Amino acid sequence: MWSRPLRQLLPRQPVWRSHIVLGQGFFDEITSSAVPVDLRAIRQLRRSPLAIDLYVWLTYRMSYLKKPTMIPWESLQAQFGSTYARPRDFRRKAFTQLEKVIRVYPTLRVSQNDTGLRLHPSPPHVQRSRGFGHDSALVGRRLGSDLRSVGRCRSEVESSS
């Protein structure tokens, strides 16, 4: 069975169609809680999905962090590194990627120890503004705009059927 090409094992037409319907509550949450990220930072980190994940997560966390907070390594591994069998391998990789994040977000204040990552209140990487240029994006607002477009397209398709 495994010697046959994959295309012979898969049906030509999908048996079912997949789609996701997101509710108004979800839409309202992502559009009202948008956090700006620097697209130049994302471009610099583009070769490491873990670094991008850490950058976006830390940018979001710093937008509301009021006091130092310890995040256990187990929690970080569950969120970002579930494919690592050994926690110490994840910690080593996360620390390497965190160094890259700090290079693009130099005002970020974090420290690590054997139990986890300590986040210290830090200034946001991108200041909030009414609009955003081509060097920053509002996580959530842009997604909200995309969701509105999808909703309009879905309505047009359903009404034309």
N, C-alpha and C. Protein backbone atom coordinates (compact mmCIF):
# COMPACT_ATOMS: atom_id res chain seq x y z
N MET A 1 0.82 -1.19 0.00
CA MET A 1 0.00 0.00 0.00
C MET A 1 0.87 1.26 0.00
N TRP A 2 1.96 1.27 0.80
CA TRP A 2 2.75 2.49 0.90
C TRP A 2 3.59 2.74 -0.34
N SER A 3 3.75 1.71 -1.19
CA SER A 3 4.56 1.93 -2.38
C SER A 3 3.79 2.67 -3.47
N ARG A 4 2.46 2.69 -3.38
CA ARG A 4 1.68 3.42 -4.39
C ARG A 4 1.80 4.91 -4.15
N PRO A 5 1.77 5.72 -5.21
CA PRO A 5 1.82 7.17 -5.03
C PRO A 5 0.61 7.65 -4.21
N LEU A 6 0.83 8.71 -3.47
CA LEU A 6 -0.21 9.25 -2.60
C LEU A 6 -1.47 9.63 -3.39
N ARG A 7 -1.31 10.14 -4.59
CA ARG A 7 -2.48 10.57 -5.37
C ARG A 7 -3.42 9.40 -5.69
N GLN A 8 -2.90 8.17 -5.72
CA GLN A 8 -3.75 7.01 -5.96
C GLN A 8 -4.55 6.62 -4.73
N LEU A 9 -4.07 7.02 -3.56
CA LEU A 9 -4.75 6.67 -2.32
C LEU A 9 -5.86 7.65 -1.96
N LEU A 10 -5.79 8.86 -2.48
CA LEU A 10 -6.76 9.89 -2.12
C LEU A 10 -7.87 9.97 -3.17
N PRO A 11 -9.10 10.22 -2.73
CA PRO A 11 -10.19 10.37 -3.72
C PRO A 11 -9.96 11.65 -4.53
N ARG A 12 -10.48 11.63 -5.76
CA ARG A 12 -10.33 12.79 -6.63
C ARG A 12 -11.15 13.98 -6.13
N GLN A 13 -12.32 13.74 -5.64
CA GLN A 13 -13.18 14.80 -5.12
C GLN A 13 -13.32 14.62 -3.62
N PRO A 14 -13.25 15.73 -2.87
CA PRO A 14 -13.44 15.58 -1.42
C PRO A 14 -14.84 15.08 -1.10
N VAL A 15 -14.93 14.26 -0.08
CA VAL A 15 -16.21 13.68 0.32
C VAL A 15 -17.07 14.72 1.01
N TRP A 16 -16.48 15.66 1.71
CA TRP A 16 -17.22 16.70 2.42
C TRP A 16 -16.51 18.04 2.21
N ARG A 17 -17.26 19.09 2.48
CA ARG A 17 -16.70 20.44 2.40
C ARG A 17 -16.52 20.96 3.81
N SER A 18 -15.38 21.54 4.08
CA SER A 18 -15.11 22.09 5.40
C SER A 18 -15.36 23.59 5.39
N HIS A 19 -15.89 24.07 6.48
CA HIS A 19 -16.00 25.51 6.67
C HIS A 19 -16.12 25.81 8.16
N ILE A 20 -15.79 27.03 8.50
CA ILE A 20 -15.85 27.48 9.89
C ILE A 20 -16.74 28.71 9.94
N VAL A 21 -17.65 28.72 10.88
CA VAL A 21 -18.50 29.89 11.09
C VAL A 21 -18.11 30.50 12.43
N LEU A 22 -17.68 31.75 12.39
CA LEU A 22 -17.28 32.44 13.60
C LEU A 22 -18.41 33.36 14.05
N GLY A 23 -18.63 33.42 15.34
CA GLY A 23 -19.72 34.21 15.88
C GLY A 23 -19.39 35.68 16.02
N GLN A 24 -20.41 36.48 16.23
CA GLN A 24 -20.26 37.92 16.40
C GLN A 24 -19.41 38.24 17.64
N GLY A 25 -19.56 37.46 18.71
CA GLY A 25 -18.77 37.68 19.92
C GLY A 25 -17.28 37.57 19.65
N PHE A 26 -16.89 36.55 18.88
CA PHE A 26 -15.48 36.37 18.52
C PHE A 26 -15.01 37.55 17.68
N PHE A 27 -15.79 37.94 16.71
CA PHE A 27 -15.45 39.07 15.85
C PHE A 27 -15.27 40.34 16.67
N ASP A 28 -16.21 40.61 17.58
CA ASP A 28 -16.13 41.81 18.42
C ASP A 28 -14.88 41.80 19.28
N GLU A 29 -14.54 40.64 19.83
CA GLU A 29 -13.36 40.52 20.69
C GLU A 29 -12.07 40.80 19.92
N ILE A 30 -11.91 40.21 18.76
CA ILE A 30 -10.65 40.40 18.04
C ILE A 30 -10.52 41.81 17.46
N THR A 31 -11.62 42.46 17.15
CA THR A 31 -11.52 43.81 16.63
C THR A 31 -11.35 44.85 17.73
N SER A 32 -11.90 44.59 18.92
CA SER A 32 -11.75 45.57 20.01
C SER A 32 -10.45 45.39 20.78
N SER A 33 -9.82 44.24 20.69
CA SER A 33 -8.60 43.96 21.44
C SER A 33 -7.36 43.88 20.55
N ALA A 34 -7.39 44.56 19.43
CA ALA A 34 -6.27 44.49 18.49
C ALA A 34 -5.00 45.05 19.13
N VAL A 35 -3.88 44.41 18.84
CA VAL A 35 -2.57 44.83 19.36
C VAL A 35 -1.65 45.05 18.17
N PRO A 36 -0.99 46.23 18.11
CA PRO A 36 -0.10 46.49 16.97
C PRO A 36 1.18 45.66 17.05
N VAL A 37 1.61 45.16 15.91
CA VAL A 37 2.90 44.46 15.80
C VAL A 37 3.68 45.14 14.68
N ASP A 38 4.98 45.06 14.77
CA ASP A 38 5.86 45.68 13.78
C ASP A 38 6.14 44.65 12.69
N LEU A 39 5.70 44.94 11.48
CA LEU A 39 5.90 44.00 10.38
C LEU A 39 7.37 43.84 10.01
N ARG A 40 8.19 44.86 10.31
CA ARG A 40 9.64 44.71 10.07
C ARG A 40 10.20 43.62 10.99
N ALA A 41 9.71 43.57 12.23
CA ALA A 41 10.15 42.52 13.16
C ALA A 41 9.74 41.15 12.65
N ILE A 42 8.50 41.05 12.18
CA ILE A 42 8.02 39.76 11.63
C ILE A 42 8.90 39.34 10.46
N ARG A 43 9.24 40.31 9.59
CA ARG A 43 10.11 39.98 8.45
C ARG A 43 11.48 39.47 8.91
N GLN A 44 12.03 40.09 9.95
CA GLN A 44 13.35 39.66 10.44
C GLN A 44 13.28 38.27 11.08
N LEU A 45 12.15 37.92 11.63
CA LEU A 45 12.00 36.63 12.32
C LEU A 45 11.42 35.55 11.42
N ARG A 46 11.18 35.85 10.18
CA ARG A 46 10.41 34.98 9.28
C ARG A 46 10.94 33.57 9.13
N ARG A 47 12.21 33.35 9.41
CA ARG A 47 12.76 31.99 9.27
C ARG A 47 12.52 31.11 10.48
N SER A 48 11.88 31.68 11.51
CA SER A 48 11.62 30.89 12.71
C SER A 48 10.19 31.06 13.19
N PRO A 49 9.34 30.08 12.92
CA PRO A 49 7.96 30.17 13.40
C PRO A 49 7.87 30.34 14.92
N LEU A 50 8.77 29.70 15.67
CA LEU A 50 8.75 29.84 17.13
C LEU A 50 9.07 31.28 17.53
N ALA A 51 10.04 31.91 16.88
CA ALA A 51 10.38 33.29 17.19
C ALA A 51 9.21 34.22 16.87
N ILE A 52 8.53 33.98 15.76
CA ILE A 52 7.36 34.80 15.41
C ILE A 52 6.27 34.60 16.45
N ASP A 53 6.02 33.35 16.82
CA ASP A 53 5.00 33.08 17.84
C ASP A 53 5.33 33.79 19.15
N LEU A 54 6.58 33.69 19.58
CA LEU A 54 6.99 34.34 20.83
C LEU A 54 6.86 35.86 20.72
N TYR A 55 7.28 36.42 19.58
CA TYR A 55 7.18 37.87 19.39
C TYR A 55 5.73 38.34 19.48
N VAL A 56 4.84 37.71 18.76
CA VAL A 56 3.43 38.13 18.76
C VAL A 56 2.82 37.93 20.14
N TRP A 57 3.10 36.80 20.77
CA TRP A 57 2.57 36.53 22.10
C TRP A 57 3.09 37.55 23.11
N LEU A 58 4.40 37.81 23.10
CA LEU A 58 4.97 38.77 24.04
C LEU A 58 4.47 40.19 23.78
N THR A 59 4.31 40.55 22.52
CA THR A 59 3.76 41.87 22.19
C THR A 59 2.36 42.00 22.78
N TYR A 60 1.56 40.96 22.63
CA TYR A 60 0.21 40.96 23.20
C TYR A 60 0.27 41.03 24.73
N ARG A 61 1.08 40.18 25.35
CA ARG A 61 1.16 40.16 26.82
C ARG A 61 1.61 41.51 27.38
N MET A 62 2.57 42.14 26.74
CA MET A 62 3.07 43.43 27.23
C MET A 62 2.03 44.53 27.09
N SER A 63 1.03 44.32 26.25
CA SER A 63 0.00 45.35 26.07
C SER A 63 -0.87 45.51 27.31
N TYR A 64 -0.89 44.51 28.20
CA TYR A 64 -1.73 44.62 29.40
C TYR A 64 -1.01 44.21 30.69
N LEU A 65 0.25 43.79 30.62
CA LEU A 65 0.97 43.33 31.80
C LEU A 65 1.23 44.50 32.77
N LYS A 66 0.82 44.34 34.02
CA LYS A 66 0.98 45.39 35.04
C LYS A 66 2.03 45.05 36.09
N LYS A 67 2.32 43.77 36.29
CA LYS A 67 3.29 43.37 37.31
C LYS A 67 4.07 42.17 36.79
N PRO A 68 5.27 41.94 37.33
CA PRO A 68 6.06 40.78 36.87
C PRO A 68 5.25 39.49 37.02
N THR A 69 5.35 38.65 36.02
CA THR A 69 4.59 37.40 35.98
C THR A 69 5.49 36.26 35.54
N MET A 70 5.44 35.16 36.27
CA MET A 70 6.22 33.97 35.92
C MET A 70 5.35 33.03 35.09
N ILE A 71 5.85 32.63 33.94
CA ILE A 71 5.17 31.66 33.09
C ILE A 71 5.99 30.37 33.15
N PRO A 72 5.44 29.28 33.69
CA PRO A 72 6.21 28.02 33.80
C PRO A 72 6.59 27.47 32.43
N TRP A 73 7.76 26.84 32.38
CA TRP A 73 8.21 26.23 31.13
C TRP A 73 7.20 25.23 30.59
N GLU A 74 6.53 24.51 31.48
CA GLU A 74 5.53 23.53 31.02
C GLU A 74 4.40 24.21 30.25
N SER A 75 3.97 25.36 30.73
CA SER A 75 2.90 26.10 30.03
C SER A 75 3.38 26.61 28.68
N LEU A 76 4.59 27.13 28.66
CA LEU A 76 5.14 27.60 27.38
C LEU A 76 5.30 26.46 26.39
N GLN A 77 5.77 25.32 26.88
CA GLN A 77 5.95 24.18 25.98
C GLN A 77 4.60 23.69 25.46
N ALA A 78 3.59 23.68 26.32
CA ALA A 78 2.26 23.25 25.87
C ALA A 78 1.72 24.19 24.80
N GLN A 79 2.02 25.47 24.91
CA GLN A 79 1.50 26.44 23.94
C GLN A 79 2.33 26.51 22.67
N PHE A 80 3.66 26.44 22.80
CA PHE A 80 4.52 26.70 21.65
C PHE A 80 5.38 25.53 21.20
N GLY A 81 5.55 24.51 22.02
CA GLY A 81 6.51 23.48 21.66
C GLY A 81 6.07 22.08 21.96
N SER A 82 4.84 21.77 21.66
CA SER A 82 4.32 20.45 22.01
C SER A 82 5.01 19.31 21.26
N THR A 83 5.77 19.63 20.22
CA THR A 83 6.45 18.57 19.47
C THR A 83 7.78 18.16 20.10
N TYR A 84 8.22 18.90 21.11
CA TYR A 84 9.48 18.56 21.78
C TYR A 84 9.22 17.48 22.82
N ALA A 85 9.97 16.39 22.74
CA ALA A 85 9.79 15.29 23.69
C ALA A 85 10.37 15.64 25.06
N ARG A 86 11.49 16.34 25.06
CA ARG A 86 12.14 16.66 26.33
C ARG A 86 12.02 18.16 26.62
N PRO A 87 11.54 18.50 27.81
CA PRO A 87 11.39 19.92 28.17
C PRO A 87 12.68 20.72 28.03
N ARG A 88 13.82 20.13 28.34
CA ARG A 88 15.06 20.90 28.24
C ARG A 88 15.40 21.25 26.79
N ASP A 89 14.99 20.40 25.84
CA ASP A 89 15.20 20.72 24.42
C ASP A 89 14.35 21.93 24.03
N PHE A 90 13.10 21.94 24.51
CA PHE A 90 12.24 23.09 24.21
C PHE A 90 12.81 24.36 24.84
N ARG A 91 13.23 24.28 26.10
CA ARG A 91 13.78 25.46 26.78
C ARG A 91 14.98 26.02 26.03
N ARG A 92 15.86 25.15 25.58
CA ARG A 92 17.05 25.59 24.84
C ARG A 92 16.64 26.30 23.55
N LYS A 93 15.72 25.69 22.82
CA LYS A 93 15.27 26.28 21.55
C LYS A 93 14.53 27.60 21.80
N ALA A 94 13.65 27.62 22.81
CA ALA A 94 12.89 28.83 23.12
C ALA A 94 13.82 29.96 23.51
N PHE A 95 14.85 29.66 24.30
CA PHE A 95 15.78 30.70 24.72
C PHE A 95 16.53 31.26 23.52
N THR A 96 16.97 30.40 22.60
CA THR A 96 17.66 30.85 21.39
C THR A 96 16.76 31.77 20.57
N GLN A 97 15.49 31.39 20.43
CA GLN A 97 14.56 32.20 19.65
C GLN A 97 14.19 33.48 20.38
N LEU A 98 14.14 33.42 21.70
CA LEU A 98 13.85 34.60 22.51
C LEU A 98 14.95 35.65 22.34
N GLU A 99 16.19 35.22 22.19
CA GLU A 99 17.28 36.16 21.93
C GLU A 99 17.03 36.92 20.63
N LYS A 100 16.51 36.24 19.62
CA LYS A 100 16.19 36.90 18.34
C LYS A 100 15.06 37.91 18.54
N VAL A 101 14.06 37.52 19.34
CA VAL A 101 12.93 38.42 19.60
C VAL A 101 13.43 39.68 20.31
N ILE A 102 14.31 39.52 21.26
CA ILE A 102 14.83 40.69 22.01
C ILE A 102 15.62 41.62 21.08
N ARG A 103 16.28 41.06 20.08
CA ARG A 103 17.00 41.91 19.11
C ARG A 103 16.06 42.81 18.33
N VAL A 104 14.85 42.32 18.01
CA VAL A 104 13.91 43.15 17.26
C VAL A 104 12.99 43.96 18.18
N TYR A 105 12.92 43.59 19.45
CA TYR A 105 12.08 44.26 20.44
C TYR A 105 12.97 44.54 21.66
N PRO A 106 13.90 45.50 21.52
CA PRO A 106 14.92 45.69 22.55
C PRO A 106 14.40 46.20 23.90
N THR A 107 13.22 46.79 23.95
CA THR A 107 12.68 47.27 25.23
C THR A 107 11.93 46.18 25.98
N LEU A 108 11.87 44.98 25.41
CA LEU A 108 11.22 43.84 26.05
C LEU A 108 12.04 43.42 27.26
N ARG A 109 11.38 43.27 28.40
CA ARG A 109 12.06 42.87 29.62
C ARG A 109 11.56 41.50 30.05
N VAL A 110 12.40 40.48 29.85
CA VAL A 110 12.10 39.12 30.27
C VAL A 110 13.35 38.52 30.90
N SER A 111 13.15 37.58 31.78
CA SER A 111 14.28 36.84 32.34
C SER A 111 13.85 35.39 32.47
N GLN A 112 14.81 34.50 32.55
CA GLN A 112 14.48 33.08 32.64
C GLN A 112 15.20 32.46 33.82
N ASN A 113 14.63 31.37 34.32
CA ASN A 113 15.31 30.54 35.31
C ASN A 113 14.84 29.11 35.10
N ASP A 114 15.15 28.22 36.02
CA ASP A 114 14.81 26.80 35.85
C ASP A 114 13.30 26.55 35.84
N THR A 115 12.53 27.42 36.46
CA THR A 115 11.09 27.17 36.55
C THR A 115 10.30 27.79 35.41
N GLY A 116 10.84 28.84 34.78
CA GLY A 116 10.07 29.44 33.70
C GLY A 116 10.64 30.75 33.21
N LEU A 117 9.78 31.49 32.56
CA LEU A 117 10.11 32.77 31.96
C LEU A 117 9.39 33.85 32.75
N ARG A 118 10.13 34.82 33.27
CA ARG A 118 9.52 35.91 34.02
C ARG A 118 9.35 37.10 33.08
N LEU A 119 8.10 37.54 32.95
CA LEU A 119 7.78 38.70 32.14
C LEU A 119 7.71 39.92 33.05
N HIS A 120 8.38 40.98 32.66
CA HIS A 120 8.36 42.23 33.40
C HIS A 120 7.63 43.27 32.54
N PRO A 121 6.80 44.11 33.16
CA PRO A 121 6.11 45.13 32.36
C PRO A 121 7.11 45.89 31.48
N SER A 122 6.78 45.98 30.21
CA SER A 122 7.65 46.63 29.23
C SER A 122 6.79 47.52 28.35
N PRO A 123 7.41 48.54 27.77
CA PRO A 123 6.64 49.38 26.84
C PRO A 123 6.21 48.55 25.63
N PRO A 124 5.06 48.87 25.06
CA PRO A 124 4.65 48.13 23.86
C PRO A 124 5.66 48.33 22.73
N HIS A 125 5.80 47.34 21.90
CA HIS A 125 6.76 47.46 20.80
C HIS A 125 6.31 48.50 19.79
N VAL A 126 5.03 48.57 19.54
CA VAL A 126 4.46 49.57 18.63
C VAL A 126 3.40 50.31 19.41
N GLN A 127 3.48 51.63 19.41
CA GLN A 127 2.47 52.43 20.10
C GLN A 127 1.16 52.35 19.33
N ARG A 128 0.07 52.32 20.06
CA ARG A 128 -1.25 52.31 19.42
C ARG A 128 -1.48 53.64 18.73
N SER A 129 -2.15 53.60 17.60
CA SER A 129 -2.52 54.82 16.89
C SER A 129 -3.84 54.59 16.20
N ARG A 130 -4.41 55.65 15.69
CA ARG A 130 -5.71 55.51 15.01
C ARG A 130 -5.58 54.67 13.75
N GLY A 131 -4.56 54.93 12.98
CA GLY A 131 -4.35 54.16 11.74
C GLY A 131 -3.07 53.40 11.84
N PHE A 132 -2.73 52.69 10.82
CA PHE A 132 -1.44 52.01 10.82
C PHE A 132 -0.88 52.05 9.43
N GLY A 133 0.45 52.19 9.37
CA GLY A 133 1.14 52.28 8.09
C GLY A 133 1.55 50.92 7.59
N HIS A 134 2.41 50.92 6.60
CA HIS A 134 2.81 49.62 6.03
C HIS A 134 3.84 48.91 6.88
N ASP A 135 4.39 49.58 7.90
CA ASP A 135 5.38 48.93 8.75
C ASP A 135 4.80 48.36 10.03
N SER A 136 3.50 48.50 10.23
CA SER A 136 2.88 47.89 11.40
C SER A 136 1.50 47.41 11.00
N ALA A 137 0.98 46.53 11.82
CA ALA A 137 -0.37 46.01 11.57
C ALA A 137 -1.03 45.82 12.91
N LEU A 138 -2.33 45.92 12.92
CA LEU A 138 -3.07 45.66 14.14
C LEU A 138 -3.58 44.24 14.09
N VAL A 139 -3.01 43.39 14.94
CA VAL A 139 -3.46 42.01 15.00
C VAL A 139 -4.90 42.06 15.48
N GLY A 140 -5.78 41.47 14.78
CA GLY A 140 -7.19 41.51 15.17
C GLY A 140 -7.96 42.42 14.24
N ARG A 141 -7.55 43.68 14.10
CA ARG A 141 -8.30 44.59 13.25
C ARG A 141 -8.25 44.10 11.81
N ARG A 142 -7.04 43.75 11.33
CA ARG A 142 -6.93 43.26 9.96
C ARG A 142 -7.69 41.95 9.81
N LEU A 143 -7.59 41.05 10.79
CA LEU A 143 -8.33 39.80 10.75
C LEU A 143 -9.82 40.09 10.73
N GLY A 144 -10.26 41.07 11.52
CA GLY A 144 -11.67 41.45 11.54
C GLY A 144 -12.13 41.92 10.18
N SER A 145 -11.30 42.72 9.52
CA SER A 145 -11.62 43.19 8.18
C SER A 145 -11.75 42.01 7.22
N ASP A 146 -10.81 41.06 7.33
CA ASP A 146 -10.87 39.86 6.48
C ASP A 146 -12.14 39.06 6.75
N LEU A 147 -12.52 38.96 8.03
CA LEU A 147 -13.72 38.21 8.37
C LEU A 147 -14.97 38.88 7.82
N ARG A 148 -15.00 40.22 7.85
CA ARG A 148 -16.15 40.93 7.26
C ARG A 148 -16.24 40.61 5.78
N SER A 149 -15.07 40.60 5.09
CA SER A 149 -15.06 40.29 3.66
C SER A 149 -15.57 38.88 3.42
N VAL A 150 -15.11 37.93 4.23
CA VAL A 150 -15.57 36.55 4.10
C VAL A 150 -17.07 36.49 4.32
N GLY A 151 -17.57 37.19 5.32
CA GLY A 151 -19.01 37.21 5.60
C GLY A 151 -19.80 37.75 4.43
N ARG A 152 -19.32 38.85 3.82
CA ARG A 152 -20.00 39.42 2.65
C ARG A 152 -20.01 38.42 1.50
N CYS A 153 -18.84 37.77 1.24
CA CYS A 153 -18.75 36.79 0.16
C CYS A 153 -19.71 35.64 0.41
N ARG A 154 -19.77 35.17 1.65
CA ARG A 154 -20.65 34.05 1.99
C ARG A 154 -22.11 34.44 1.76
N SER A 155 -22.46 35.66 2.18
CA SER A 155 -23.84 36.12 1.99
C SER A 155 -24.18 36.20 0.51
N GLU A 156 -23.21 36.71 -0.30
CA GLU A 156 -23.44 36.83 -1.74
C GLU A 156 -23.62 35.44 -2.36
N VAL A 157 -22.79 34.48 -1.95
CA VAL A 157 -22.88 33.13 -2.50
C VAL A 157 -24.23 32.50 -2.11
N GLU A 158 -24.61 32.64 -0.82
CA GLU A 158 -25.87 32.04 -0.37
C GLU A 158 -27.06 32.68 -1.05
N SER A 159 -27.02 34.00 -1.29
CA SER A 159 -28.17 34.64 -1.92
C SER A 159 -28.27 34.35 -3.41
N SER A 160 -27.12 34.00 -4.03
CA SER A 160 -27.16 33.69 -5.46
C SER A 160 -27.52 32.24 -5.72
N SER A 161 -27.52 31.41 -4.66
CA SER A 161 -27.84 29.98 -4.84
C SER A 161 -29.31 29.74 -4.96
